PDB file of N, CA and C in Angstrom:
ATOM      1  N   MET A   1     -56.566  48.282  68.957  1.00  0.00           N
ATOM      2  CA  MET A   1     -56.903  47.288  70.644  1.00  0.00           C
ATOM      3  C   MET A   1     -58.142  46.582  69.647  1.00  0.00           C
ATOM      4  N   HIS A   2     -58.444  46.381  71.317  1.00  0.00           N
ATOM      5  CA  HIS A   2     -60.481  44.805  71.508  1.00  0.00           C
ATOM      6  C   HIS A   2     -60.673  45.639  71.721  1.00  0.00           C
ATOM      7  N   ALA A   3     -62.310  45.336  71.802  1.00  0.00           N
ATOM      8  CA  ALA A   3     -63.252  45.871  71.992  1.00  0.00           C
ATOM      9  C   ALA A   3     -63.483  46.081  73.552  1.00  0.00           C
ATOM     10  N   PRO A   4     -63.552  45.104  74.246  1.00  0.00           N
ATOM     11  CA  PRO A   4     -63.260  44.942  75.714  1.00  0.00           C
ATOM     12  C   PRO A   4     -62.246  46.051  76.597  1.00  0.00           C
ATOM     13  N   GLN A   5     -61.572  46.361  75.736  1.00  0.00           N
ATOM     14  CA  GLN A   5     -60.657  46.763  76.019  1.00  0.00           C
ATOM     15  C   GLN A   5     -60.705  48.248  75.787  1.00  0.00           C
ATOM     16  N   GLN A   6     -61.160  48.191  74.668  1.00  0.00           N
ATOM     17  CA  GLN A   6     -61.372  50.004  74.371  1.00  0.00           C
ATOM     18  C   GLN A   6     -62.445  50.713  75.342  1.00  0.00           C
ATOM     19  N   LYS A   7     -63.536  49.420  75.385  1.00  0.00           N
ATOM     20  CA  LYS A   7     -64.818  49.540  76.019  1.00  0.00           C
ATOM     21  C   LYS A   7     -64.378  50.144  77.573  1.00  0.00           C
ATOM     22  N   TRP A   8     -63.094  49.450  77.878  1.00  0.00           N
ATOM     23  CA  TRP A   8     -63.109  50.076  78.772  1.00  0.00           C
ATOM     24  C   TRP A   8     -62.009  51.512  79.616  1.00  0.00           C
ATOM     25  N   ASP A   9     -61.506  51.199  78.545  1.00  0.00           N
ATOM     26  CA  ASP A   9     -60.895  53.100  77.882  1.00  0.00           C
ATOM     27  C   ASP A   9     -61.344  54.044  78.189  1.00  0.00           C
ATOM     28  N   GLU A  10     -62.912  54.044  77.280  1.00  0.00           N
ATOM     29  CA  GLU A  10     -64.051  54.798  77.383  1.00  0.00           C
ATOM     30  C   GLU A  10     -64.735  54.423  79.096  1.00  0.00           C
ATOM     31  N   THR A  11     -64.505  54.160  79.443  1.00  0.00           N
ATOM     32  CA  THR A  11     -65.456  53.923  80.561  1.00  0.00           C
ATOM     33  C   THR A  11     -64.554  55.092  81.690  1.00  0.00           C
ATOM     34  N   SER A  12     -65.745  56.905  81.926  1.00  0.00           N
ATOM     35  CA  SER A  12     -64.515  56.971  83.770  1.00  0.00           C
ATOM     36  C   SER A  12     -64.834  56.392  84.808  1.00  0.00           C
ATOM     37  N   ASP A  13     -63.525  56.436  85.211  1.00  0.00           N
ATOM     38  CA  ASP A  13     -63.295  56.301  87.050  1.00  0.00           C
ATOM     39  C   ASP A  13     -64.299  56.016  87.913  1.00  0.00           C
ATOM     40  N   SER A  14     -64.993  56.941  87.131  1.00  0.00           N
ATOM     41  CA  SER A  14     -66.315  57.005  88.350  1.00  0.00           C
ATOM     42  C   SER A  14     -67.015  55.521  87.982  1.00  0.00           C
ATOM     43  N   GLU A  15     -67.474  55.196  87.108  1.00  0.00           N
ATOM     44  CA  GLU A  15     -68.079  53.784  86.972  1.00  0.00           C
ATOM     45  C   GLU A  15     -67.302  53.070  86.738  1.00  0.00           C
ATOM     46  N   LYS A  16     -66.331  52.671  86.773  1.00  0.00           N
ATOM     47  CA  LYS A  16     -65.470  51.407  86.433  1.00  0.00           C
ATOM     48  C   LYS A  16     -65.857  50.562  88.458  1.00  0.00           C
ATOM     49  N   PRO A  17     -65.831  50.765  89.111  1.00  0.00           N
ATOM     50  CA  PRO A  17     -66.215  50.293  90.288  1.00  0.00           C
ATOM     51  C   PRO A  17     -67.488  49.818  90.283  1.00  0.00           C
ATOM     52  N   ALA A  18     -68.846  50.429  89.940  1.00  0.00           N
ATOM     53  CA  ALA A  18     -69.965  50.527  89.372  1.00  0.00           C
ATOM     54  C   ALA A  18     -69.893  49.019  87.910  1.00  0.00           C
ATOM     55  N   ALA A  19     -69.303  49.268  86.644  1.00  0.00           N
ATOM     56  CA  ALA A  19     -69.024  48.102  85.946  1.00  0.00           C
ATOM     57  C   ALA A  19     -68.293  47.055  86.703  1.00  0.00           C
ATOM     58  N   ILE A  20     -67.224  46.948  88.507  1.00  0.00           N
ATOM     59  CA  ILE A  20     -66.501  45.578  88.715  1.00  0.00           C
ATOM     60  C   ILE A  20     -67.760  45.018  89.703  1.00  0.00           C
ATOM     61  N   ALA A  21     -68.767  46.031  89.943  1.00  0.00           N
ATOM     62  CA  ALA A  21     -69.829  45.339  91.106  1.00  0.00           C
ATOM     63  C   ALA A  21     -70.669  44.494  90.135  1.00  0.00           C
ATOM     64  N   ILE A  22     -70.536  44.891  88.955  1.00  0.00           N
ATOM     65  CA  ILE A  22     -71.844  44.343  88.013  1.00  0.00           C
ATOM     66  C   ILE A  22     -71.550  43.392  87.697  1.00  0.00           C
ATOM     67  N   VAL A  23     -70.512  42.764  87.033  1.00  0.00           N
ATOM     68  CA  VAL A  23     -69.718  41.629  86.609  1.00  0.00           C
ATOM     69  C   VAL A  23     -69.942  40.459  87.849  1.00  0.00           C
ATOM     70  N   ILE A  24     -69.127  41.057  88.457  1.00  0.00           N
ATOM     71  CA  ILE A  24     -69.269  40.059  90.493  1.00  0.00           C
ATOM     72  C   ILE A  24     -70.526  39.380  90.646  1.00  0.00           C
ATOM     73  N   ALA A  25     -71.832  40.606  90.615  1.00  0.00           N
ATOM     74  CA  ALA A  25     -72.968  40.216  90.846  1.00  0.00           C
ATOM     75  C   ALA A  25     -73.245  38.648  89.973  1.00  0.00           C
ATOM     76  N   VAL A  26     -73.248  39.231  88.849  1.00  0.00           N
ATOM     77  CA  VAL A  26     -73.865  38.286  87.594  1.00  0.00           C
ATOM     78  C   VAL A  26     -73.195  37.136  87.752  1.00  0.00           C
ATOM     79  N   ILE A  27     -71.210  37.087  88.554  1.00  0.00           N
ATOM     80  CA  ILE A  27     -70.566  35.535  88.636  1.00  0.00           C
ATOM     81  C   ILE A  27     -71.670  35.202  89.675  1.00  0.00           C
ATOM     82  N   VAL A  28     -71.194  35.683  91.061  1.00  0.00           N
ATOM     83  CA  VAL A  28     -72.382  35.322  91.583  1.00  0.00           C
ATOM     84  C   VAL A  28     -73.410  34.717  91.505  1.00  0.00           C
ATOM     85  N   ALA A  29     -74.653  35.666  90.445  1.00  0.00           N
ATOM     86  CA  ALA A  29     -75.609  34.609  90.089  1.00  0.00           C
ATOM     87  C   ALA A  29     -75.846  33.788  89.289  1.00  0.00           C
ATOM     88  N   GLN A  30     -74.698  33.320  88.514  1.00  0.00           N
ATOM     89  CA  GLN A  30     -74.761  32.466  87.523  1.00  0.00           C
ATOM     90  C   GLN A  30     -74.054  30.982  88.680  1.00  0.00           C
ATOM     91  N   VAL A  31     -73.360  31.681  89.412  1.00  0.00           N
ATOM     92  CA  VAL A  31     -73.305  29.871  91.240  1.00  0.00           C
ATOM     93  C   VAL A  31     -74.000  30.314  91.287  1.00  0.00           C
ATOM     94  N   ALA A  32     -74.685  30.107  92.343  1.00  0.00           N
ATOM     95  CA  ALA A  32     -76.436  30.733  92.687  1.00  0.00           C
ATOM     96  C   ALA A  32     -76.928  30.564  92.016  1.00  0.00           C
ATOM     97  N   ILE A  33     -77.199  29.718  90.279  1.00  0.00           N
ATOM     98  CA  ILE A  33     -78.325  29.962  90.017  1.00  0.00           C
ATOM     99  C   ILE A  33     -77.429  27.940  89.002  1.00  0.00           C
ATOM    100  N   GLY A  34     -76.283  27.578  88.870  1.00  0.00           N
ATOM    101  CA  GLY A  34     -75.692  26.453  89.213  1.00  0.00           C
ATOM    102  C   GLY A  34     -75.739  25.729  90.282  1.00  0.00           C
ATOM    103  N   ALA A  35     -76.237  26.392  91.261  1.00  0.00           N
ATOM    104  CA  ALA A  35     -76.080  25.718  92.138  1.00  0.00           C
ATOM    105  C   ALA A  35     -77.783  25.137  93.034  1.00  0.00           C
ATOM    106  N   SER A  36     -78.554  25.680  92.447  1.00  0.00           N
ATOM    107  CA  SER A  36     -80.106  25.873  92.655  1.00  0.00           C
ATOM    108  C   SER A  36     -80.423  24.575  91.646  1.00  0.00           C
ATOM    109  N   VAL A  37     -79.691  24.567  90.009  1.00  0.00           N
ATOM    110  CA  VAL A  37     -80.564  23.463  89.181  1.00  0.00           C
ATOM    111  C   VAL A  37     -79.736  21.915  89.876  1.00  0.00           C
ATOM    112  N   GLU A  38     -78.686  22.233  89.923  1.00  0.00           N
ATOM    113  CA  GLU A  38     -77.892  21.144  90.759  1.00  0.00           C
ATOM    114  C   GLU A  38     -79.108  20.656  91.903  1.00  0.00           C
ATOM    115  N   ALA A  39     -79.170  21.082  92.747  1.00  0.00           N
ATOM    116  CA  ALA A  39     -80.658  21.258  93.774  1.00  0.00           C
ATOM    117  C   ALA A  39     -81.708  20.262  93.446  1.00  0.00           C
ATOM    118  N   VAL A  40     -81.939  20.969  92.526  1.00  0.00           N
ATOM    119  CA  VAL A  40     -83.594  20.634  92.314  1.00  0.00           C
ATOM    120  C   VAL A  40     -83.174  19.773  91.261  1.00  0.00           C
ATOM    121  N   GLU A  41     -82.097  19.153  91.005  1.00  0.00           N
ATOM    122  CA  GLU A  41     -81.820  17.811  90.522  1.00  0.00           C
ATOM    123  C   GLU A  41     -81.545  16.365  90.344  1.00  0.00           C
ATOM    124  N   ARG A  42     -80.971  16.643  92.401  1.00  0.00           N
ATOM    125  CA  ARG A  42     -80.606  15.984  93.404  1.00  0.00           C
ATOM    126  C   ARG A  42     -82.197  15.560  93.493  1.00  0.00           C
ATOM    127  N   ILE A  43     -82.997  15.903  93.757  1.00  0.00           N
ATOM    128  CA  ILE A  43     -84.316  15.258  94.031  1.00  0.00           C
ATOM    129  C   ILE A  43     -85.048  14.272  92.985  1.00  0.00           C
ATOM    130  N   PRO A  44     -85.303  13.851  93.899  1.00  0.00           N
ATOM    131  CA  PRO A  44     -85.265  11.632  93.483  1.00  0.00           C
ATOM    132  C   PRO A  44     -86.606  12.117  91.863  1.00  0.00           C
ATOM    133  N   LEU A  45     -87.512  12.708  91.905  1.00  0.00           N
ATOM    134  CA  LEU A  45     -89.086  12.069  91.501  1.00  0.00           C
ATOM    135  C   LEU A  45     -88.894  13.567  90.313  1.00  0.00           C
ATOM    136  N   LEU A  46     -88.171  14.771  91.246  1.00  0.00           N
ATOM    137  CA  LEU A  46     -89.036  16.080  90.204  1.00  0.00           C
ATOM    138  C   LEU A  46     -87.541  16.184  89.155  1.00  0.00           C
ATOM    139  N   SER A  47     -86.756  15.977  89.054  1.00  0.00           N
ATOM    140  CA  SER A  47     -86.045  15.388  88.088  1.00  0.00           C
ATOM    141  C   SER A  47     -86.514  14.804  86.586  1.00  0.00           C
ATOM    142  N   PRO A  48     -87.473  14.521  86.971  1.00  0.00           N
ATOM    143  CA  PRO A  48     -88.038  13.691  85.503  1.00  0.00           C
ATOM    144  C   PRO A  48     -89.048  14.200  85.382  1.00  0.00           C
ATOM    145  N   PHE A  49     -89.621  14.555  86.165  1.00  0.00           N
ATOM    146  CA  PHE A  49     -90.756  15.287  85.958  1.00  0.00           C
ATOM    147  C   PHE A  49     -90.864  16.789  85.593  1.00  0.00           C
ATOM    148  N   LEU A  50     -90.035  16.892  85.911  1.00  0.00           N
ATOM    149  CA  LEU A  50     -89.890  18.632  84.981  1.00  0.00           C
ATOM    150  C   LEU A  50     -89.776  17.843  83.368  1.00  0.00           C
ATOM    151  N   GLU A  51     -88.182  17.490  82.870  1.00  0.00           N
ATOM    152  CA  GLU A  51     -88.476  16.402  81.720  1.00  0.00           C
ATOM    153  C   GLU A  51     -89.943  16.440  81.077  1.00  0.00           C
ATOM    154  N   PHE A  52     -90.759  15.896  81.970  1.00  0.00           N
ATOM    155  CA  PHE A  52     -91.510  15.157  81.303  1.00  0.00           C
ATOM    156  C   PHE A  52     -92.824  16.342  81.092  1.00  0.00           C
ATOM    157  N   VAL A  53     -92.203  17.583  82.394  1.00  0.00           N
ATOM    158  CA  VAL A  53     -93.953  18.785  81.426  1.00  0.00           C
ATOM    159  C   VAL A  53     -92.880  19.400  80.242  1.00  0.00           C
ATOM    160  N   GLY A  54     -91.973  19.173  79.996  1.00  0.00           N
ATOM    161  CA  GLY A  54     -91.077  20.425  78.755  1.00  0.00           C
ATOM    162  C   GLY A  54     -91.173  19.242  77.672  1.00  0.00           C
ATOM    163  N   PHE A  55     -90.812  18.155  78.008  1.00  0.00           N
ATOM    164  CA  PHE A  55     -91.854  17.129  76.776  1.00  0.00           C
ATOM    165  C   PHE A  55     -93.391  17.420  75.969  1.00  0.00           C
ATOM    166  N   ALA A  56     -94.015  17.027  77.778  1.00  0.00           N
ATOM    167  CA  ALA A  56     -95.709  17.091  77.404  1.00  0.00           C
ATOM    168  C   ALA A  56     -95.780  18.755  76.784  1.00  0.00           C
ATOM    169  N   VAL A  57     -95.425  20.045  77.145  1.00  0.00           N
ATOM    170  CA  VAL A  57     -95.400  21.453  76.512  1.00  0.00           C
ATOM    171  C   VAL A  57     -95.418  21.433  75.195  1.00  0.00           C
ATOM    172  N   THR A  58     -93.826  20.851  74.772  1.00  0.00           N
ATOM    173  CA  THR A  58     -93.389  20.982  73.501  1.00  0.00           C
ATOM    174  C   THR A  58     -94.178  20.326  72.620  1.00  0.00           C
ATOM    175  N   SER A  59     -94.465  18.715  72.434  1.00  0.00           N
ATOM    176  CA  SER A  59     -95.398  18.509  72.066  1.00  0.00           C
ATOM    177  C   SER A  59     -96.742  19.012  71.901  1.00  0.00           C
ATOM    178  N   VAL A  60     -96.911  19.260  72.608  1.00  0.00           N
ATOM    179  CA  VAL A  60     -98.679  19.919  72.784  1.00  0.00           C
ATOM    180  C   VAL A  60     -98.805  21.424  71.287  1.00  0.00           C
ATOM    181  N   TYR A  61     -97.873  22.209  72.070  1.00  0.00           N
ATOM    182  CA  TYR A  61     -97.508  22.718  71.378  1.00  0.00           C
ATOM    183  C   TYR A  61     -96.861  22.897  69.602  1.00  0.00           C
ATOM    184  N   ALA A  62     -96.198  21.272  69.599  1.00  0.00           N
ATOM    185  CA  ALA A  62     -95.788  20.593  67.764  1.00  0.00           C
ATOM    186  C   ALA A  62     -96.960  20.744  67.128  1.00  0.00           C
ATOM    187  N   TYR A  63     -97.993  20.244  67.804  1.00  0.00           N
ATOM    188  CA  TYR A  63     -99.150  19.207  67.928  1.00  0.00           C
ATOM    189  C   TYR A  63     -99.892  20.450  66.864  1.00  0.00           C
ATOM    190  N   ARG A  64     -99.919  21.608  68.428  1.00  0.00           N
ATOM    191  CA  ARG A  64    -100.990  22.429  67.524  1.00  0.00           C
ATOM    192  C   ARG A  64     -99.972  22.746  66.113  1.00  0.00           C
ATOM    193  N   TYR A  65     -99.232  23.146  66.032  1.00  0.00           N
ATOM    194  CA  TYR A  65     -99.018  24.026  64.988  1.00  0.00           C
ATOM    195  C   TYR A  65     -99.079  23.208  63.707  1.00  0.00           C
ATOM    196  N   ALA A  66     -98.489  21.971  64.055  1.00  0.00           N
ATOM    197  CA  ALA A  66     -98.952  20.798  62.636  1.00  0.00           C
ATOM    198  C   ALA A  66     -99.947  20.713  62.347  1.00  0.00           C
ATOM    199  N   THR A  67    -101.806  21.336  62.994  1.00  0.00           N
ATOM    200  CA  THR A  67    -102.368  20.561  62.745  1.00  0.00           C
ATOM    201  C   THR A  67    -103.840  21.999  62.513  1.00  0.00           C
ATOM    202  N   ASP A  68    -102.965  22.666  63.050  1.00  0.00           N
ATOM    203  CA  ASP A  68    -104.109  23.771  62.681  1.00  0.00           C
ATOM    204  C   ASP A  68    -103.494  25.068  62.037  1.00  0.00           C
ATOM    205  N   PRO A  69    -104.068  25.321  61.336  1.00  0.00           N
ATOM    206  CA  PRO A  69    -102.997  26.474  60.312  1.00  0.00           C
ATOM    207  C   PRO A  69    -102.715  27.434  60.278  1.00  0.00           C
ATOM    208  N   ALA A  70    -104.129  27.965  61.310  1.00  0.00           N
ATOM    209  CA  ALA A  70    -104.210  28.841  61.907  1.00  0.00           C
ATOM    210  C   ALA A  70    -103.862  29.351  63.236  1.00  0.00           C
ATOM    211  N   GLU A  71    -102.554  28.423  63.616  1.00  0.00           N
ATOM    212  CA  GLU A  71    -101.674  28.397  64.152  1.00  0.00           C
ATOM    213  C   GLU A  71    -100.490  28.255  63.947  1.00  0.00           C
ATOM    214  N   SER A  72    -100.279  28.237  62.370  1.00  0.00           N
ATOM    215  CA  SER A  72     -99.189  28.104  62.188  1.00  0.00           C
ATOM    216  C   SER A  72     -98.747  29.009  61.638  1.00  0.00           C
ATOM    217  N   GLU A  73     -99.711  30.308  60.902  1.00  0.00           N
ATOM    218  CA  GLU A  73     -99.976  30.737  59.806  1.00  0.00           C
ATOM    219  C   GLU A  73     -99.274  32.113  61.241  1.00  0.00           C
ATOM    220  N   ALA A  74    -100.033  31.844  62.777  1.00  0.00           N
ATOM    221  CA  ALA A  74     -99.975  33.123  63.101  1.00  0.00           C
ATOM    222  C   ALA A  74     -98.249  32.816  63.797  1.00  0.00           C
ATOM    223  N   ALA A  75     -97.602  31.024  63.803  1.00  0.00           N
ATOM    224  CA  ALA A  75     -95.757  31.387  64.654  1.00  0.00           C
ATOM    225  C   ALA A  75     -95.288  32.388  62.865  1.00  0.00           C
ATOM    226  N   VAL A  76     -96.007  31.877  61.531  1.00  0.00           N
ATOM    227  CA  VAL A  76     -95.038  32.244  60.869  1.00  0.00           C
ATOM    228  C   VAL A  76     -95.621  33.323  60.309  1.00  0.00           C
ATOM    229  N   THR A  77     -95.954  34.724  60.855  1.00  0.00           N
ATOM    230  CA  THR A  77     -96.180  36.091  61.023  1.00  0.00           C
ATOM    231  C   THR A  77     -95.410  36.443  62.554  1.00  0.00           C
ATOM    232  N   SER A  78     -95.359  35.837  63.443  1.00  0.00           N
ATOM    233  CA  SER A  78     -94.539  36.156  64.646  1.00  0.00           C
ATOM    234  C   SER A  78     -93.975  36.148  64.155  1.00  0.00           C
ATOM    235  N   GLU A  79     -92.811  35.502  63.171  1.00  0.00           N
ATOM    236  CA  GLU A  79     -91.555  35.114  63.165  1.00  0.00           C
ATOM    237  C   GLU A  79     -90.969  36.158  61.912  1.00  0.00           C
ATOM    238  N   ARG A  80     -92.031  36.452  61.215  1.00  0.00           N
ATOM    239  CA  ARG A  80     -91.347  37.648  60.096  1.00  0.00           C
ATOM    240  C   ARG A  80     -91.413  38.721  60.962  1.00  0.00           C
ATOM    241  N   CYS A  81     -91.705  38.816  61.549  1.00  0.00           N
ATOM    242  CA  CYS A  81     -92.130  40.560  62.759  1.00  0.00           C
ATOM    243  C   CYS A  81     -90.903  40.421  63.564  1.00  0.00           C
ATOM    244  N   ALA A  82     -90.444  39.152  63.856  1.00  0.00           N
ATOM    245  CA  ALA A  82     -89.003  38.899  64.438  1.00  0.00           C
ATOM    246  C   ALA A  82     -87.862  39.560  63.649  1.00  0.00           C
ATOM    247  N   CYS A  83     -88.169  38.926  62.750  1.00  0.00           N
ATOM    248  CA  CYS A  83     -86.695  38.864  62.114  1.00  0.00           C
ATOM    249  C   CYS A  83     -86.983  40.325  61.157  1.00  0.00           C
ATOM    250  N   SER A  84     -87.852  40.783  60.382  1.00  0.00           N
ATOM    251  CA  SER A  84     -88.109  42.014  59.956  1.00  0.00           C
ATOM    252  C   SER A  84     -87.616  43.229  61.866  1.00  0.00           C
ATOM    253  N   ASP A  85     -87.851  43.025  62.730  1.00  0.00           N
ATOM    254  CA  ASP A  85     -87.733  43.954  63.567  1.00  0.00           C
ATOM    255  C   ASP A  85     -85.454  43.995  64.618  1.00  0.00           C
ATOM    256  N   VAL A  86     -85.175  42.999  63.576  1.00  0.00           N
ATOM    257  CA  VAL A  86     -84.170  42.291  63.789  1.00  0.00           C
ATOM    258  C   VAL A  86     -82.400  43.127  62.850  1.00  0.00           C
ATOM    259  N   ALA A  87     -83.434  42.840  61.950  1.00  0.00           N
ATOM    260  CA  ALA A  87     -82.889  43.290  60.950  1.00  0.00           C
ATOM    261  C   ALA A  87     -82.537  45.036  59.794  1.00  0.00           C
ATOM    262  N   VAL A  88     -83.215  45.649  60.630  1.00  0.00           N
ATOM    263  CA  VAL A  88     -83.978  46.330  59.703  1.00  0.00           C
ATOM    264  C   VAL A  88     -82.626  47.551  60.741  1.00  0.00           C
ATOM    265  N   PRO A  89     -82.674  47.446  62.382  1.00  0.00           N
ATOM    266  CA  PRO A  89     -81.832  48.119  62.494  1.00  0.00           C
ATOM    267  C   PRO A  89     -80.169  48.016  62.754  1.00  0.00           C
ATOM    268  N   PHE A  90     -80.086  46.528  61.621  1.00  0.00           N
ATOM    269  CA  PHE A  90     -78.178  46.644  61.677  1.00  0.00           C
ATOM    270  C   PHE A  90     -78.562  46.697  60.286  1.00  0.00           C
ATOM    271  N   GLY A  91     -79.092  47.147  59.672  1.00  0.00           N
ATOM    272  CA  GLY A  91     -78.672  47.399  58.094  1.00  0.00           C
ATOM    273  C   GLY A  91     -78.594  46.455  57.172  1.00  0.00           C
ATOM    274  N   ARG A  92     -78.233  46.817  56.025  1.00  0.00           N
ATOM    275  CA  ARG A  92     -78.313  45.291  54.794  1.00  0.00           C
ATOM    276  C   ARG A  92     -77.970  44.582  55.068  1.00  0.00           C
ATOM    277  N   SER A  93     -76.004  44.183  55.634  1.00  0.00           N
ATOM    278  CA  SER A  93     -75.850  43.315  55.692  1.00  0.00           C
ATOM    279  C   SER A  93     -76.847  42.132  56.912  1.00  0.00           C
ATOM    280  N   ALA A  94     -77.462  42.263  57.822  1.00  0.00           N
ATOM    281  CA  ALA A  94     -78.027  41.910  58.792  1.00  0.00           C
ATOM    282  C   ALA A  94     -79.621  41.475  57.785  1.00  0.00           C
ATOM    283  N   ALA A  95     -79.943  41.967  57.321  1.00  0.00           N
ATOM    284  CA  ALA A  95     -81.000  41.507  56.155  1.00  0.00           C
ATOM    285  C   ALA A  95     -80.979  41.038  55.776  1.00  0.00           C
ATOM    286  N   LEU A  96     -79.935  40.510  54.778  1.00  0.00           N
ATOM    287  CA  LEU A  96     -79.532  39.863  53.821  1.00  0.00           C
ATOM    288  C   LEU A  96     -79.031  38.307  54.174  1.00  0.00           C
ATOM    289  N   MET A  97     -78.821  38.662  55.331  1.00  0.00           N
ATOM    290  CA  MET A  97     -78.084  37.459  55.897  1.00  0.00           C
ATOM    291  C   MET A  97     -79.496  36.377  56.613  1.00  0.00           C
ATOM    292  N   LEU A  98     -80.397  37.878  57.172  1.00  0.00           N
ATOM    293  CA  LEU A  98     -81.739  36.884  57.106  1.00  0.00           C
ATOM    294  C   LEU A  98     -82.265  36.280  56.233  1.00  0.00           C
ATOM    295  N   GLN A  99     -82.447  37.066  54.975  1.00  0.00           N
ATOM    296  CA  GLN A  99     -83.254  36.130  53.785  1.00  0.00           C
ATOM    297  C   GLN A  99     -82.388  35.484  53.735  1.00  0.00           C
ATOM    298  N   TRP A 100     -80.915  34.898  53.619  1.00  0.00           N
ATOM    299  CA  TRP A 100     -80.691  33.336  52.990  1.00  0.00           C
ATOM    300  C   TRP A 100     -80.966  32.687  53.860  1.00  0.00           C
ATOM    301  N   HIS A 101     -81.016  32.830  55.604  1.00  0.00           N
ATOM    302  CA  HIS A 101     -81.054  31.818  56.578  1.00  0.00           C
ATOM    303  C   HIS A 101     -82.822  31.119  56.505  1.00  0.00           C
ATOM    304  N   CYS A 102     -83.514  32.688  56.025  1.00  0.00           N
ATOM    305  CA  CYS A 102     -85.325  32.208  57.026  1.00  0.00           C
ATOM    306  C   CYS A 102     -85.384  31.601  54.720  1.00  0.00           C
ATOM    307  N   GLY A 103     -84.632  31.522  54.111  1.00  0.00           N
ATOM    308  CA  GLY A 103     -85.273  31.034  52.766  1.00  0.00           C
ATOM    309  C   GLY A 103     -85.718  31.358  52.064  1.00  0.00           C
ATOM    310  N   ALA A 104     -86.931  31.161  51.392  1.00  0.00           N
ATOM    311  CA  ALA A 104     -87.744  32.341  50.272  1.00  0.00           C
ATOM    312  C   ALA A 104     -89.056  32.239  51.234  1.00  0.00           C
ATOM    313  N   LEU A 105     -88.994  32.076  52.799  1.00  0.00           N
ATOM    314  CA  LEU A 105     -90.828  32.440  53.373  1.00  0.00           C
ATOM    315  C   LEU A 105     -91.091  33.539  52.839  1.00  0.00           C
ATOM    316  N   TYR A 106     -90.238  35.269  53.005  1.00  0.00           N
ATOM    317  CA  TYR A 106     -90.159  35.862  53.254  1.00  0.00           C
ATOM    318  C   TYR A 106     -89.827  36.848  52.758  1.00  0.00           C
ATOM    319  N   GLU A 107     -89.770  38.256  52.491  1.00  0.00           N
ATOM    320  CA  GLU A 107     -88.929  39.323  52.056  1.00  0.00           C
ATOM    321  C   GLU A 107     -88.300  39.630  54.155  1.00  0.00           C
ATOM    322  N   VAL A 108     -87.528  40.150  53.877  1.00  0.00           N
ATOM    323  CA  VAL A 108     -86.558  41.282  54.864  1.00  0.00           C
ATOM    324  C   VAL A 108     -86.463  42.342  54.454  1.00  0.00           C
ATOM    325  N   PRO A 109     -87.214  43.368  54.862  1.00  0.00           N
ATOM    326  CA  PRO A 109     -86.946  45.020  54.557  1.00  0.00           C
ATOM    327  C   PRO A 109     -85.562  45.532  54.641  1.00  0.00           C
ATOM    328  N   VAL A 110     -84.577  45.715  53.558  1.00  0.00           N
ATOM    329  CA  VAL A 110     -82.929  45.886  53.271  1.00  0.00           C
ATOM    330  C   VAL A 110     -83.238  47.437  52.863  1.00  0.00           C
ATOM    331  N   GLN A 111     -82.516  47.903  54.582  1.00  0.00           N
ATOM    332  CA  GLN A 111     -82.267  49.401  54.103  1.00  0.00           C
ATOM    333  C   GLN A 111     -80.915  49.821  53.658  1.00  0.00           C
TER     334      GLN A 111
END
């Protein structure tokens, strides 16, 4: 049996209308977000300006991490913590995949 079908069967009858309402709300929200993004893209100067702001912010952070050893170490430390937090709850296979993905930068705890 497929996972969504199994999950639906496990859901009590009193909770099914709420689940359907949540799915419908998510679809409506996605359509509204898409319409908003399209509306912003149609404004002649705003879209290129926002692209420039995104490029400028990315460039500032890339320059900072490339030139400042303290910032670079802070980014690596933050990545270590994030990978450790993800790997430990999901067990040995997730930890081994992260070790393979992240390379020899650090050890990921394996349970």
